[in-house]
C-alpha atoms as a PDB file:
ATOM      1  CA  UNK A   1      32.311  39.754 -90.202  1.00  0.00           C
ATOM      2  CA  UNK A   2      34.776  39.726 -93.063  1.00  0.00           C
ATOM      3  CA  UNK A   3      33.772  37.262 -95.794  1.00  0.00           C
ATOM      4  CA  UNK A   4      35.363  35.589 -98.797  1.00  0.00           C
ATOM      5  CA  UNK A   5      33.669  33.974-101.803  1.00  0.00           C
ATOM      6  CA  UNK A   6      35.122  30.644-102.862  1.00  0.00           C
ATOM      7  CA  UNK A   7      34.143  28.227-105.618  1.00  0.00           C
ATOM      8  CA  UNK A   8      31.632  25.771-104.121  1.00  0.00           C
ATOM      9  CA  UNK A   9      33.790  22.672-104.553  1.00  0.00           C
ATOM     10  CA  UNK A  10      36.634  24.266-102.560  1.00  0.00           C
ATOM     11  CA  UNK A  11      34.291  25.750 -99.960  1.00  0.00           C
ATOM     12  CA  UNK A  12      32.786  22.289 -99.413  1.00  0.00           C
ATOM     13  CA  UNK A  13      36.306  20.884 -98.859  1.00  0.00           C
ATOM     14  CA  UNK A  14      36.874  23.561 -96.210  1.00  0.00           C
ATOM     15  CA  UNK A  15      33.496  22.742 -94.632  1.00  0.00           C
ATOM     16  CA  UNK A  16      34.390  19.083 -94.126  1.00  0.00           C
ATOM     17  CA  UNK A  17      37.910  19.859 -92.907  1.00  0.00           C
ATOM     18  CA  UNK A  18      39.767  18.469 -95.951  1.00  0.00           C
ATOM     19  CA  UNK A  19      41.111  21.818 -97.185  1.00  0.00           C
ATOM     20  CA  UNK A  20      43.292  23.496 -94.577  1.00  0.00           C
ATOM     21  CA  UNK A  21      44.736  26.243 -96.799  1.00  0.00           C
ATOM     22  CA  UNK A  22      43.079  28.677 -99.200  1.00  0.00           C
ATOM     23  CA  UNK A  23      45.309  29.967-101.985  1.00  0.00           C
ATOM     24  CA  UNK A  24      45.175  33.536-103.242  1.00  0.00           C
ATOM     25  CA  UNK A  25      47.359  35.749-105.414  1.00  0.00           C
ATOM     26  CA  UNK A  26      46.982  38.495-102.816  1.00  0.00           C
ATOM     27  CA  UNK A  27      47.594  38.724 -99.106  1.00  0.00           C
ATOM     28  CA  UNK A  28      45.623  40.371 -96.347  1.00  0.00           C
ATOM     29  CA  UNK A  29      46.322  41.552 -92.830  1.00  0.00           C
ATOM     30  CA  UNK A  30      43.105  39.826 -91.722  1.00  0.00           C
ATOM     31  CA  UNK A  31      43.520  37.065 -89.156  1.00  0.00           C
ATOM     32  CA  UNK A  32      40.767  35.357 -87.210  1.00  0.00           C
ATOM     33  CA  UNK A  33      37.213  34.537 -88.222  1.00  0.00           C
ATOM     34  CA  UNK A  34      36.437  34.676 -91.950  1.00  0.00           C
ATOM     35  CA  UNK A  35      32.999  33.784 -93.287  1.00  0.00           C
ATOM     36  CA  UNK A  36      33.358  31.326 -96.171  1.00  0.00           C
ATOM     37  CA  UNK A  37      30.749  31.946 -98.874  1.00  0.00           C
ATOM     38  CA  UNK A  38      30.140  29.430-101.615  1.00  0.00           C
ATOM     39  CA  UNK A  39      29.956  31.312-104.908  1.00  0.00           C
ATOM     40  CA  UNK A  40      26.748  31.086-106.952  1.00  0.00           C
ATOM     41  CA  UNK A  41      28.339  28.808-109.550  1.00  0.00           C
ATOM     42  CA  UNK A  42      26.356  25.557-109.493  1.00  0.00           C
ATOM     43  CA  UNK A  43      28.350  22.357-109.444  1.00  0.00           C
ATOM     44  CA  UNK A  44      26.907  18.924-108.767  1.00  0.00           C
ATOM     45  CA  UNK A  45      27.440  17.770-105.188  1.00  0.00           C
ATOM     46  CA  UNK A  46      27.966  21.269-103.778  1.00  0.00           C
ATOM     47  CA  UNK A  47      25.970  24.110-102.264  1.00  0.00           C
ATOM     48  CA  UNK A  48      25.932  27.339-104.292  1.00  0.00           C
ATOM     49  CA  UNK A  49      25.265  30.843-102.982  1.00  0.00           C
ATOM     50  CA  UNK A  50      25.352  30.128 -99.235  1.00  0.00           C
ATOM     51  CA  UNK A  51      27.718  30.670 -96.342  1.00  0.00           C
ATOM     52  CA  UNK A  52      28.053  27.450 -94.333  1.00  0.00           C
ATOM     53  CA  UNK A  53      31.069  27.966 -92.094  1.00  0.00           C
ATOM     54  CA  UNK A  54      33.512  30.361 -90.509  1.00  0.00           C
ATOM     55  CA  UNK A  55      37.171  29.576 -91.108  1.00  0.00           C
ATOM     56  CA  UNK A  56      39.629  30.908 -88.571  1.00  0.00           C
ATOM     57  CA  UNK A  57      42.633  32.261 -90.491  1.00  0.00           C
ATOM     58  CA  UNK A  58      45.690  31.712 -88.331  1.00  0.00           C
ATOM     59  CA  UNK A  59      48.455  32.820 -90.687  1.00  0.00           C
ATOM     60  CA  UNK A  60      49.276  33.666 -94.288  1.00  0.00           C
ATOM     61  CA  UNK A  61      52.395  32.229 -95.851  1.00  0.00           C
ATOM     62  CA  UNK A  62      54.020  33.601 -99.013  1.00  0.00           C
ATOM     63  CA  UNK A  63      55.018  30.922-101.511  1.00  0.00           C
ATOM     64  CA  UNK A  64      56.548  30.701-104.964  1.00  0.00           C
ATOM     65  CA  UNK A  65      55.950  28.377-107.894  1.00  0.00           C
ATOM     66  CA  UNK A  66      56.590  28.475-111.643  1.00  0.00           C
ATOM     67  CA  UNK A  67      53.724  30.986-112.054  1.00  0.00           C
ATOM     68  CA  UNK A  68      55.064  33.399-109.436  1.00  0.00           C
ATOM     69  CA  UNK A  69      54.102  34.422-105.916  1.00  0.00           C
ATOM     70  CA  UNK A  70      50.946  33.213-104.186  1.00  0.00           C
ATOM     71  CA  UNK A  71      49.694  33.146-100.602  1.00  0.00           C
ATOM     72  CA  UNK A  72      48.515  30.205 -98.500  1.00  0.00           C
ATOM     73  CA  UNK A  73      45.867  31.307 -96.000  1.00  0.00           C
ATOM     74  CA  UNK A  74      46.087  28.815 -93.104  1.00  0.00           C
ATOM     75  CA  UNK A  75      42.750  27.568 -91.732  1.00  0.00           C
ATOM     76  CA  UNK A  76      42.393  26.359 -88.138  1.00  0.00           C
ATOM     77  CA  UNK A  77      40.775  22.932 -87.573  1.00  0.00           C
ATOM     78  CA  UNK A  78      37.074  22.598 -86.804  1.00  0.00           C
ATOM     79  CA  UNK A  79      37.305  22.294 -83.040  1.00  0.00           C
ATOM     80  CA  UNK A  80      36.780  24.386 -79.912  1.00  0.00           C
ATOM     81  CA  UNK A  81      38.287  27.825 -80.513  1.00  0.00           C
ATOM     82  CA  UNK A  82      38.890  27.131 -84.215  1.00  0.00           C
ATOM     83  CA  UNK A  83      36.807  27.090 -87.374  1.00  0.00           C
ATOM     84  CA  UNK A  84      33.090  26.279 -87.058  1.00  0.00           C
ATOM     85  CA  UNK A  85      29.898  25.513 -88.967  1.00  0.00           C
ATOM     86  CA  UNK A  86      27.046  28.006 -89.043  1.00  0.00           C
ATOM     87  CA  UNK A  87      23.352  28.068 -89.809  1.00  0.00           C
ATOM     88  CA  UNK A  88      23.291  28.358 -93.651  1.00  0.00           C
ATOM     89  CA  UNK A  89      22.714  31.912 -94.878  1.00  0.00           C
ATOM     90  CA  UNK A  90      22.120  33.073 -98.443  1.00  0.00           C
ATOM     91  CA  UNK A  91      24.977  35.388 -99.443  1.00  0.00           C
ATOM     92  CA  UNK A  92      25.806  37.219-102.664  1.00  0.00           C
ATOM     93  CA  UNK A  93      29.570  37.023-102.967  1.00  0.00           C
ATOM     94  CA  UNK A  94      32.117  39.524-104.186  1.00  0.00           C
ATOM     95  CA  UNK A  95      35.594  39.321-105.719  1.00  0.00           C
ATOM     96  CA  UNK A  96      37.348  40.686-102.641  1.00  0.00           C
ATOM     97  CA  UNK A  97      36.962  40.540 -98.884  1.00  0.00           C
ATOM     98  CA  UNK A  98      33.577  41.963 -97.962  1.00  0.00           C
ATOM     99  CA  UNK A  99      31.441  42.394 -94.857  1.00  0.00           C
ATOM    100  CA  UNK A 100      28.414  40.384 -93.753  1.00  0.00           C
ATOM    101  CA  UNK A 101      26.349  41.542 -90.783  1.00  0.00           C
ATOM    102  CA  UNK A 102      27.379  39.588 -87.665  1.00  0.00           C
ATOM    103  CA  UNK A 103      23.726  39.333 -86.615  1.00  0.00           C
ATOM    104  CA  UNK A 104      23.134  36.931 -89.534  1.00  0.00           C
ATOM    105  CA  UNK A 105      25.792  34.465 -88.385  1.00  0.00           C
ATOM    106  CA  UNK A 106      24.632  31.765 -85.959  1.00  0.00           C
ATOM    107  CA  UNK A 107      27.104  28.992 -85.019  1.00  0.00           C
ATOM    108  CA  UNK A 108      26.001  25.369 -85.127  1.00  0.00           C
ATOM    109  CA  UNK A 109      25.219  23.907 -81.674  1.00  0.00           C
ATOM    110  CA  UNK A 110      28.313  21.626 -81.656  1.00  0.00           C
ATOM    111  CA  UNK A 111      32.084  21.945 -82.086  1.00  0.00           C
ATOM    112  CA  UNK A 112      33.087  18.493 -83.367  1.00  0.00           C
ATOM    113  CA  UNK A 113      32.220  18.098 -87.078  1.00  0.00           C
ATOM    114  CA  UNK A 114      32.724  14.340 -86.749  1.00  0.00           C
ATOM    115  CA  UNK A 115      29.996  13.976 -84.112  1.00  0.00           C
ATOM    116  CA  UNK A 116      26.510  12.481 -84.263  1.00  0.00           C
ATOM    117  CA  UNK A 117      25.146  16.027 -83.839  1.00  0.00           C
ATOM    118  CA  UNK A 118      27.118  17.167 -86.904  1.00  0.00           C
ATOM    119  CA  UNK A 119      25.772  14.254 -88.972  1.00  0.00           C
ATOM    120  CA  UNK A 120      22.223  15.180 -88.008  1.00  0.00           C
ATOM    121  CA  UNK A 121      22.919  18.877 -88.764  1.00  0.00           C
ATOM    122  CA  UNK A 122      24.339  17.945 -92.185  1.00  0.00           C
ATOM    123  CA  UNK A 123      21.256  15.886 -93.050  1.00  0.00           C
ATOM    124  CA  UNK A 124      18.821  18.577 -91.905  1.00  0.00           C
ATOM    125  CA  UNK A 125      20.585  21.819 -92.886  1.00  0.00           C
ATOM    126  CA  UNK A 126      23.119  21.164 -95.633  1.00  0.00           C
ATOM    127  CA  UNK A 127      21.916  18.116 -97.580  1.00  0.00           C
ATOM    128  CA  UNK A 128      18.703  19.909 -98.790  1.00  0.00           C
ATOM    129  CA  UNK A 129      20.874  22.691-100.293  1.00  0.00           C
ATOM    130  CA  UNK A 130      23.182  20.398-102.285  1.00  0.00           C
ATOM    131  CA  UNK A 131      22.801  20.769-106.046  1.00  0.00           C
END
């Protein structure tokens, strides 16, 4: 699966469904599942060096601001057929899109991140990794 390293604080916002766009200075033709990898940079309240979810990229929109052109990568909601949580896997990130073996990626056993099952998953799988 294609993967992207993101600063842990932004990756955590994606994980909980708060961040629905990822901003880049470059575009890609990639659409669909994208493994989100938290970079190794440690920041209090985040998980560093792990992949915790797959974001489904639905579109990329070119935008302009005072600094020039940038691209908004649109992320599908965490629901059936959209983005989803995975069993945490240790990943060494890179500064571009890179590949991670599909056999390492195991979806969480639920679709609704606001469910009781998701709360239990968070407490068992993610909370122990938070710095």
